[in-house]
């Protein structure tokens, strides 16, 4: 059985703050609250650190991998958003 989000849940409060800062959105979850976003950030940081400390891992290859990871994230977010209904002007209210 699915549980309803309550207004005092930390995730719901973060969503409300995000809506105030960036405007209303109707996607399933605000991007910085997703595990995929933080996984992408960690992988990009790891790639850049590896490039900085390795003699054989060149800068061009590192930036190519960063671009590939970022593109994969953007495509996955696009696919995730494609599955949600877009209702212009509709603001979600938490009670």
N, C-alpha and C. Protein backbone atom coordinates (compact mmCIF):
# COMPACT_ATOMS: atom_id res chain seq x y z
N UNK A 1 0.85 -1.17 0.00
CA UNK A 1 0.00 0.00 0.00
C UNK A 1 0.90 1.24 0.00
N UNK A 2 0.64 2.16 -0.89
CA UNK A 2 1.43 3.38 -0.98
C UNK A 2 1.03 4.34 0.14
N UNK A 3 2.02 5.00 0.70
CA UNK A 3 1.72 5.97 1.75
C UNK A 3 1.70 7.36 1.14
N UNK A 4 0.85 8.19 1.68
CA UNK A 4 0.76 9.57 1.21
C UNK A 4 1.83 10.41 1.86
N UNK A 5 2.37 11.35 1.10
CA UNK A 5 3.36 12.27 1.64
C UNK A 5 2.67 13.27 2.55
N UNK A 6 3.28 13.50 3.68
CA UNK A 6 2.74 14.48 4.62
C UNK A 6 3.52 15.78 4.48
N UNK A 7 2.91 16.87 4.85
CA UNK A 7 3.53 18.19 4.70
C UNK A 7 4.78 18.35 5.55
N UNK A 8 4.94 17.54 6.61
CA UNK A 8 6.10 17.70 7.47
C UNK A 8 7.24 16.74 7.11
N UNK A 9 7.10 15.96 6.02
CA UNK A 9 8.17 15.10 5.55
C UNK A 9 9.30 15.96 4.99
N UNK A 10 10.58 15.59 5.22
CA UNK A 10 11.69 16.40 4.72
C UNK A 10 11.69 16.53 3.19
N UNK A 11 11.35 15.46 2.47
CA UNK A 11 11.31 15.54 1.02
C UNK A 11 10.25 16.50 0.52
N UNK A 12 9.11 16.51 1.18
CA UNK A 12 8.03 17.41 0.78
C UNK A 12 8.43 18.85 1.07
N UNK A 13 9.06 19.08 2.22
CA UNK A 13 9.51 20.44 2.54
C UNK A 13 10.54 20.91 1.52
N UNK A 14 11.45 20.03 1.09
CA UNK A 14 12.45 20.40 0.09
C UNK A 14 11.78 20.71 -1.24
N UNK A 15 10.75 19.95 -1.60
CA UNK A 15 10.00 20.23 -2.83
C UNK A 15 9.35 21.61 -2.77
N UNK A 16 8.76 21.95 -1.64
CA UNK A 16 8.10 23.25 -1.49
C UNK A 16 9.11 24.38 -1.61
N UNK A 17 10.27 24.21 -0.96
CA UNK A 17 11.34 25.22 -1.05
C UNK A 17 11.81 25.33 -2.49
N UNK A 18 11.97 24.19 -3.16
CA UNK A 18 12.38 24.20 -4.57
C UNK A 18 11.38 24.91 -5.46
N UNK A 19 10.10 24.69 -5.20
CA UNK A 19 9.07 25.37 -5.99
C UNK A 19 9.10 26.87 -5.77
N UNK A 20 9.35 27.27 -4.53
CA UNK A 20 9.44 28.72 -4.26
C UNK A 20 10.64 29.32 -4.97
N UNK A 21 11.76 28.60 -5.00
CA UNK A 21 12.99 29.13 -5.59
C UNK A 21 12.95 29.11 -7.11
N UNK A 22 12.39 28.06 -7.70
CA UNK A 22 12.46 27.90 -9.15
C UNK A 22 11.12 27.98 -9.85
N UNK A 23 10.05 28.12 -9.12
CA UNK A 23 8.73 28.15 -9.72
C UNK A 23 8.10 26.77 -9.65
N UNK A 24 6.84 26.70 -9.96
CA UNK A 24 6.11 25.43 -9.88
C UNK A 24 6.62 24.48 -10.95
N UNK A 25 6.60 23.22 -10.63
CA UNK A 25 6.96 22.19 -11.60
C UNK A 25 6.03 21.00 -11.40
N UNK A 26 5.87 20.24 -12.44
CA UNK A 26 4.98 19.11 -12.33
C UNK A 26 5.67 17.79 -12.63
N UNK A 27 6.98 17.77 -12.50
CA UNK A 27 7.69 16.52 -12.70
C UNK A 27 7.59 15.69 -11.43
N UNK A 28 8.02 14.47 -11.51
CA UNK A 28 7.85 13.58 -10.37
C UNK A 28 8.71 13.97 -9.19
N UNK A 29 9.90 14.45 -9.43
CA UNK A 29 10.78 14.83 -8.33
C UNK A 29 11.75 15.91 -8.81
N UNK A 30 12.07 16.84 -7.95
CA UNK A 30 13.01 17.90 -8.25
C UNK A 30 14.39 17.28 -8.46
N UNK A 31 15.10 17.65 -9.49
CA UNK A 31 16.34 16.98 -9.90
C UNK A 31 17.38 16.82 -8.79
N UNK A 32 17.71 17.85 -8.00
CA UNK A 32 18.73 17.65 -6.95
C UNK A 32 18.30 16.69 -5.84
N UNK A 33 17.05 16.29 -5.82
CA UNK A 33 16.60 15.33 -4.81
C UNK A 33 16.69 13.89 -5.29
N UNK A 34 17.14 13.68 -6.53
CA UNK A 34 17.20 12.33 -7.06
C UNK A 34 18.57 11.71 -6.82
N UNK A 35 18.56 10.41 -6.66
CA UNK A 35 19.81 9.66 -6.50
C UNK A 35 20.64 9.74 -7.77
N UNK A 36 19.99 9.76 -8.93
CA UNK A 36 20.71 9.81 -10.20
C UNK A 36 21.53 11.09 -10.32
N UNK A 37 21.00 12.20 -9.86
CA UNK A 37 21.73 13.47 -9.92
C UNK A 37 23.01 13.37 -9.11
N UNK A 38 22.91 12.89 -7.88
CA UNK A 38 24.09 12.83 -7.02
C UNK A 38 25.07 11.77 -7.50
N UNK A 39 24.56 10.68 -8.08
CA UNK A 39 25.45 9.68 -8.67
C UNK A 39 26.23 10.30 -9.83
N UNK A 40 25.56 11.11 -10.66
CA UNK A 40 26.25 11.77 -11.76
C UNK A 40 27.32 12.72 -11.25
N UNK A 41 27.00 13.50 -10.24
CA UNK A 41 27.97 14.44 -9.67
C UNK A 41 29.19 13.69 -9.13
N UNK A 42 28.95 12.60 -8.42
CA UNK A 42 30.06 11.82 -7.84
C UNK A 42 30.92 11.20 -8.94
N UNK A 43 30.28 10.66 -9.97
CA UNK A 43 31.04 10.05 -11.07
C UNK A 43 31.87 11.10 -11.80
N UNK A 44 31.30 12.27 -12.04
CA UNK A 44 32.05 13.34 -12.72
C UNK A 44 33.23 13.78 -11.87
N UNK A 45 33.02 13.96 -10.58
CA UNK A 45 34.13 14.35 -9.69
C UNK A 45 35.20 13.26 -9.70
N UNK A 46 34.80 12.00 -9.65
CA UNK A 46 35.76 10.89 -9.67
C UNK A 46 36.56 10.87 -10.97
N UNK A 47 35.89 11.12 -12.09
CA UNK A 47 36.59 11.16 -13.38
C UNK A 47 37.62 12.28 -13.39
N UNK A 48 37.24 13.45 -12.92
CA UNK A 48 38.16 14.58 -12.94
C UNK A 48 39.32 14.40 -11.97
N UNK A 49 39.06 13.78 -10.82
CA UNK A 49 40.15 13.49 -9.88
C UNK A 49 41.10 12.46 -10.49
N UNK A 50 40.54 11.43 -11.11
CA UNK A 50 41.38 10.42 -11.75
C UNK A 50 42.26 11.03 -12.83
N UNK A 51 41.70 11.96 -13.59
CA UNK A 51 42.48 12.62 -14.63
C UNK A 51 43.58 13.49 -14.04
N UNK A 52 43.30 14.08 -12.88
CA UNK A 52 44.29 14.97 -12.26
C UNK A 52 45.47 14.20 -11.66
N UNK A 53 45.23 13.00 -11.15
CA UNK A 53 46.30 12.27 -10.46
C UNK A 53 46.96 11.21 -11.33
N UNK A 54 46.39 10.89 -12.48
CA UNK A 54 46.93 9.83 -13.33
C UNK A 54 47.78 10.42 -14.45
N UNK A 55 48.87 9.72 -14.77
CA UNK A 55 49.71 10.15 -15.88
C UNK A 55 49.20 9.62 -17.21
N UNK A 56 48.44 8.55 -17.18
CA UNK A 56 48.00 7.92 -18.43
C UNK A 56 46.57 8.29 -18.82
N UNK A 57 45.82 8.89 -17.94
CA UNK A 57 44.43 9.26 -18.20
C UNK A 57 44.41 10.73 -18.59
N UNK A 58 44.35 11.01 -19.87
CA UNK A 58 44.49 12.37 -20.38
C UNK A 58 43.27 13.25 -20.13
N UNK A 59 43.53 14.55 -20.25
CA UNK A 59 42.46 15.54 -20.05
C UNK A 59 41.34 15.38 -21.07
N UNK A 60 41.72 15.17 -22.32
CA UNK A 60 40.69 15.06 -23.37
C UNK A 60 39.80 13.86 -23.13
N UNK A 61 40.39 12.73 -22.71
CA UNK A 61 39.59 11.54 -22.44
C UNK A 61 38.68 11.78 -21.23
N UNK A 62 39.20 12.45 -20.21
CA UNK A 62 38.39 12.73 -19.02
C UNK A 62 37.18 13.59 -19.37
N UNK A 63 37.39 14.64 -20.14
CA UNK A 63 36.27 15.51 -20.50
C UNK A 63 35.29 14.81 -21.44
N UNK A 64 35.79 13.88 -22.27
CA UNK A 64 34.90 13.07 -23.09
C UNK A 64 34.01 12.23 -22.19
N UNK A 65 34.58 11.59 -21.17
CA UNK A 65 33.79 10.77 -20.25
C UNK A 65 32.80 11.62 -19.45
N UNK A 66 33.21 12.81 -19.05
CA UNK A 66 32.30 13.72 -18.35
C UNK A 66 31.13 14.08 -19.25
N UNK A 67 31.41 14.36 -20.50
CA UNK A 67 30.34 14.70 -21.45
C UNK A 67 29.40 13.51 -21.66
N UNK A 68 29.95 12.30 -21.72
CA UNK A 68 29.12 11.11 -21.90
C UNK A 68 28.22 10.90 -20.68
N UNK A 69 28.78 11.04 -19.47
CA UNK A 69 27.99 10.87 -18.25
C UNK A 69 26.89 11.93 -18.18
N UNK A 70 27.24 13.19 -18.46
CA UNK A 70 26.25 14.27 -18.40
C UNK A 70 25.16 14.06 -19.45
N UNK A 71 25.53 13.63 -20.64
CA UNK A 71 24.54 13.37 -21.69
C UNK A 71 23.61 12.23 -21.29
N UNK A 72 24.19 11.19 -20.70
CA UNK A 72 23.36 10.09 -20.22
C UNK A 72 22.37 10.54 -19.17
N UNK A 73 22.80 11.43 -18.27
CA UNK A 73 21.90 11.95 -17.24
C UNK A 73 20.78 12.79 -17.87
N UNK A 74 21.14 13.66 -18.80
CA UNK A 74 20.14 14.52 -19.44
C UNK A 74 19.12 13.67 -20.20
N UNK A 75 19.59 12.65 -20.90
CA UNK A 75 18.67 11.79 -21.63
C UNK A 75 17.76 11.03 -20.66
N UNK A 76 18.32 10.53 -19.56
CA UNK A 76 17.49 9.79 -18.61
C UNK A 76 16.46 10.70 -17.96
N UNK A 77 16.83 11.95 -17.66
CA UNK A 77 15.84 12.89 -17.10
C UNK A 77 14.75 13.19 -18.12
N UNK A 78 15.15 13.33 -19.38
CA UNK A 78 14.15 13.57 -20.42
C UNK A 78 13.18 12.43 -20.55
N UNK A 79 13.69 11.19 -20.49
CA UNK A 79 12.80 10.03 -20.55
C UNK A 79 11.90 9.96 -19.33
N UNK A 80 12.44 10.29 -18.16
CA UNK A 80 11.63 10.26 -16.94
C UNK A 80 10.53 11.31 -16.99
N UNK A 81 10.86 12.49 -17.51
CA UNK A 81 9.86 13.55 -17.59
C UNK A 81 8.84 13.28 -18.69
N UNK A 82 9.23 12.53 -19.71
CA UNK A 82 8.30 12.21 -20.79
C UNK A 82 7.16 11.35 -20.29
N UNK A 83 7.39 10.63 -19.20
CA UNK A 83 6.35 9.77 -18.66
C UNK A 83 5.39 10.46 -17.71
N UNK A 84 5.62 11.74 -17.42
CA UNK A 84 4.73 12.48 -16.53
C UNK A 84 3.84 13.40 -17.33
N UNK A 85 2.67 13.66 -16.79
CA UNK A 85 1.75 14.58 -17.45
C UNK A 85 2.19 16.01 -17.22
N UNK A 86 2.17 16.80 -18.27
CA UNK A 86 2.50 18.22 -18.15
C UNK A 86 1.20 19.00 -18.19
N UNK A 87 0.89 19.62 -17.08
CA UNK A 87 -0.34 20.40 -16.99
C UNK A 87 0.02 21.84 -16.69
N UNK A 88 0.11 22.70 -17.71
CA UNK A 88 0.50 24.08 -17.48
C UNK A 88 -0.46 24.80 -16.54
N UNK A 89 0.11 25.57 -15.66
CA UNK A 89 -0.69 26.36 -14.74
C UNK A 89 -1.17 25.61 -13.51
N UNK A 90 -0.92 24.32 -13.44
CA UNK A 90 -1.36 23.53 -12.29
C UNK A 90 -0.30 23.54 -11.22
N UNK A 91 -0.64 24.00 -10.04
CA UNK A 91 0.28 23.98 -8.91
C UNK A 91 -0.13 22.85 -7.98
N UNK A 92 0.84 22.09 -7.58
CA UNK A 92 0.57 20.98 -6.66
C UNK A 92 0.53 21.53 -5.23
N UNK A 93 -0.46 21.15 -4.50
CA UNK A 93 -0.61 21.59 -3.11
C UNK A 93 -0.45 20.38 -2.18
N UNK A 94 0.30 20.54 -1.13
CA UNK A 94 0.45 19.51 -0.11
C UNK A 94 -0.37 19.92 1.10
N UNK A 95 -1.19 19.01 1.56
CA UNK A 95 -2.05 19.34 2.71
C UNK A 95 -1.70 18.49 3.87
